[in-house]
Protein backbone atom coordinates (compact mmCIF):
# COMPACT_ATOMS: atom_id res chain seq x y z
CA MET A 1 0.00 0.00 0.00
CA THR A 2 1.28 3.44 -0.80
CA THR A 3 0.12 6.32 1.39
CA ALA A 4 1.62 9.17 -0.64
CA PRO A 5 0.78 9.85 -4.27
CA THR A 6 3.35 9.27 -6.95
CA THR A 7 3.86 11.56 -9.92
CA ALA A 8 5.87 8.90 -11.72
CA PRO A 9 4.40 7.21 -14.78
CA VAL A 10 2.55 3.99 -14.02
CA ALA A 11 5.02 1.48 -15.41
CA THR A 12 7.67 -1.03 -14.45
CA TRP A 13 10.90 0.82 -13.75
CA THR A 14 14.30 -0.84 -14.09
CA VAL A 15 17.17 -0.17 -11.72
CA ASP A 16 19.92 1.99 -13.21
CA PRO A 17 23.04 -0.16 -12.67
CA VAL A 18 25.40 2.84 -12.92
CA HIS A 19 23.73 4.80 -10.13
CA SER A 20 22.58 1.92 -7.90
CA THR A 21 24.50 0.34 -5.04
CA ALA A 22 24.02 -2.38 -2.43
CA ASN A 23 26.40 -2.07 0.51
CA PHE A 24 26.97 -3.65 3.89
CA ALA A 25 28.76 -2.66 7.10
CA VAL A 26 29.67 -4.87 10.07
CA LYS A 27 31.78 -4.43 13.19
CA HIS A 28 35.11 -6.21 12.76
CA MET A 29 37.53 -7.06 15.57
CA VAL A 30 35.19 -5.17 17.98
CA VAL A 31 36.55 -1.69 17.17
CA ALA A 32 36.39 -1.19 13.40
CA THR A 33 33.50 -1.09 10.95
CA PHE A 34 34.20 -3.12 7.83
CA ARG A 35 32.39 -1.96 4.69
CA GLY A 36 31.82 -3.70 1.39
CA GLY A 37 29.28 -3.92 -1.37
CA PHE A 38 28.19 -5.55 -4.59
CA GLU A 39 28.95 -4.34 -8.11
CA ASP A 40 26.14 -6.18 -9.92
CA VAL A 41 22.81 -4.73 -8.70
CA THR A 42 19.58 -5.45 -10.61
CA GLY A 43 15.96 -4.78 -9.83
CA THR A 44 12.59 -3.34 -10.72
CA LEU A 45 9.95 -1.06 -9.27
CA ASP A 46 6.52 -2.07 -10.55
CA LEU A 47 4.00 0.75 -10.32
CA ALA A 48 1.59 -0.86 -12.81
CA GLY A 49 -0.04 -3.32 -10.40
CA PRO A 50 -2.55 -2.77 -7.62
CA ALA A 51 0.30 -1.92 -5.21
CA PRO A 52 3.91 -0.93 -5.86
CA VAL A 53 6.45 -3.77 -5.71
CA VAL A 54 10.24 -3.57 -5.47
CA THR A 55 12.35 -6.58 -6.43
CA GLY A 56 16.11 -6.81 -6.60
CA ALA A 57 19.13 -9.03 -6.67
CA VAL A 58 22.89 -8.89 -6.37
CA ASN A 59 25.32 -11.46 -7.70
CA VAL A 60 27.46 -12.82 -4.87
CA ALA A 61 30.48 -13.04 -7.18
CA SER A 62 30.33 -9.25 -7.58
CA VAL A 63 31.08 -8.60 -3.89
CA ARG A 64 33.53 -5.72 -3.53
CA VAL A 65 36.08 -5.89 -0.70
CA LYS A 66 39.66 -4.62 -0.43
CA ASP A 67 41.20 -7.99 0.47
CA GLU A 68 41.56 -10.76 -2.12
CA ASN A 69 41.66 -13.47 0.57
CA LEU A 70 38.46 -12.13 2.13
CA TYR A 71 36.82 -12.12 -1.30
CA GLY A 72 37.48 -15.87 -1.56
CA HIS A 73 36.28 -16.50 1.98
CA LEU A 74 33.02 -14.61 1.34
CA GLN A 75 32.38 -16.87 -1.70
CA SER A 76 32.85 -20.01 0.41
CA PRO A 77 30.21 -21.98 2.38
CA ASP A 78 31.39 -20.12 5.53
CA PHE A 79 29.62 -17.04 4.17
CA PHE A 80 27.59 -16.65 0.93
CA ASP A 81 28.28 -20.10 -0.61
CA ALA A 82 28.36 -18.65 -4.14
CA ALA A 83 28.59 -22.04 -5.83
CA ARG A 84 25.18 -23.11 -4.47
CA THR A 85 23.52 -19.71 -3.97
CA PRO A 86 24.93 -17.24 -6.50
CA GLN A 87 22.42 -14.46 -5.78
CA ILE A 88 21.01 -12.50 -2.86
CA THR A 89 17.42 -11.48 -3.62
CA PHE A 90 14.70 -9.23 -2.24
CA ALA A 91 10.96 -8.97 -3.00
CA SER A 92 8.80 -6.41 -1.24
CA THR A 93 5.50 -7.33 0.38
CA ALA A 94 4.51 -3.79 1.39
CA ILE A 95 5.62 -0.24 0.61
CA ARG A 96 4.39 2.56 2.87
CA ARG A 97 5.15 6.13 1.99
CA GLY A 98 4.90 8.66 4.79
CA SER A 99 5.11 12.40 4.80
CA GLY A 100 7.64 14.00 2.52
CA ALA A 101 10.20 11.53 1.21
CA GLU A 102 9.83 8.96 4.03
CA VAL A 103 9.33 5.36 2.91
CA THR A 104 9.17 1.99 4.67
CA VAL A 105 9.61 -1.17 2.64
CA GLU A 106 8.88 -4.61 4.05
CA GLY A 107 9.78 -7.76 2.20
CA ASP A 108 11.56 -11.07 1.90
CA LEU A 109 15.36 -11.07 1.82
CA THR A 110 17.01 -14.32 0.72
CA ILE A 111 20.67 -14.90 1.51
CA LYS A 112 22.37 -18.29 1.19
CA GLY A 113 19.02 -19.97 0.51
CA THR A 114 17.38 -18.66 3.69
CA THR A 115 14.53 -16.17 3.47
CA GLN A 116 13.72 -13.75 6.29
CA ARG A 117 11.22 -10.90 6.45
CA VAL A 118 12.96 -7.53 6.84
CA THR A 119 11.82 -3.93 7.16
CA ALA A 120 13.89 -1.10 5.72
CA THR A 121 13.36 2.64 6.00
CA GLY A 122 14.60 5.51 3.94
CA GLU A 123 13.67 8.00 1.26
CA TRP A 124 11.67 7.93 -1.98
CA VAL A 125 12.38 10.92 -4.22
CA GLU A 126 10.87 11.68 -7.63
CA VAL A 127 11.63 14.25 -10.29
CA GLU A 128 9.41 14.84 -13.27
CA ALA A 129 12.39 15.56 -15.52
CA ASP A 130 16.11 14.98 -15.05
CA ILE A 131 18.86 16.57 -17.17
CA THR A 132 17.69 14.51 -20.17
CA GLY A 133 14.04 15.42 -19.63
CA SER A 134 13.13 11.96 -18.33
CA PRO A 135 11.31 11.24 -15.06
CA ARG A 136 13.36 9.57 -12.31
CA ILE A 137 12.71 7.85 -9.00
CA GLY A 138 15.39 7.40 -6.36
CA ILE A 139 14.94 5.05 -3.41
CA ASP A 140 17.45 4.85 -0.54
CA LEU A 141 16.85 2.14 2.08
CA ARG A 142 18.61 1.01 5.25
CA THR A 143 18.10 -1.89 7.61
CA VAL A 144 20.03 -4.03 10.09
CA VAL A 145 19.92 -7.83 9.92
CA ASP A 146 21.40 -10.61 12.03
CA ARG A 147 23.69 -12.44 9.59
CA THR A 148 23.39 -15.69 11.56
CA ALA A 149 19.63 -15.78 10.78
CA PHE A 150 20.72 -16.39 7.17
CA GLY A 151 23.26 -19.11 8.01
CA LEU A 152 26.33 -16.85 7.86
CA ASN A 153 27.72 -18.25 11.11
CA TRP A 154 31.49 -18.15 10.67
CA ASN A 155 33.35 -16.35 13.42
CA ALA A 156 36.61 -16.47 15.37
CA PRO A 157 37.13 -15.64 19.04
CA LEU A 158 39.60 -12.88 19.88
CA PRO A 159 42.34 -13.63 22.42
CA LYS A 160 41.17 -11.00 24.95
CA GLY A 161 37.42 -11.48 24.38
CA GLY A 162 34.93 -10.70 21.69
CA VAL A 163 34.71 -12.11 18.19
CA ALA A 164 36.11 -11.22 14.78
CA VAL A 165 32.75 -10.38 13.16
CA ALA A 166 29.61 -8.98 14.81
CA ASN A 167 26.25 -10.58 14.04
CA ASP A 168 24.44 -7.32 13.21
CA VAL A 169 25.04 -6.15 9.64
CA THR A 170 23.79 -2.83 8.28
CA LEU A 171 22.47 -3.06 4.72
CA GLU A 172 22.09 0.03 2.54
CA VAL A 173 20.56 0.00 -0.92
CA HIS A 174 20.45 2.99 -3.24
CA LEU A 175 18.28 2.53 -6.34
């Protein structure tokens, strides 16, 4: 259900891969925040149906990190298990627009073959004409998930207490 009117044409919109990102952040070694993301982001916003629907996916092989060894570890069964589950997907079940640009999107996030319901909040911004004269919609969303709920359980204890990787992971998507 949408609670704020849209000025965008009723159509199925495709994610602009050049201007879209899917990123994550997680506490690492207790004191640092490790950040990464995915290069290959796809998705749609369907405004043609009875209610708006957002769907999206990222290819696990396109994960972007600054450490080649970590890249390999993230592809392994310890984390994303790219050989068996090459994509992370999302399909919305509800979109609620509040006052101004506020938006809440609820839906099913599937990572490593496990699907969990998540709720993300952020902004929905529309322009009737960009620099080329075309209408545009921008959606920025943020949520926090427990990675272990998706079977990403690998960790290592630190010698003086704590663990290498926190369970809570912040996800940010910019479409």
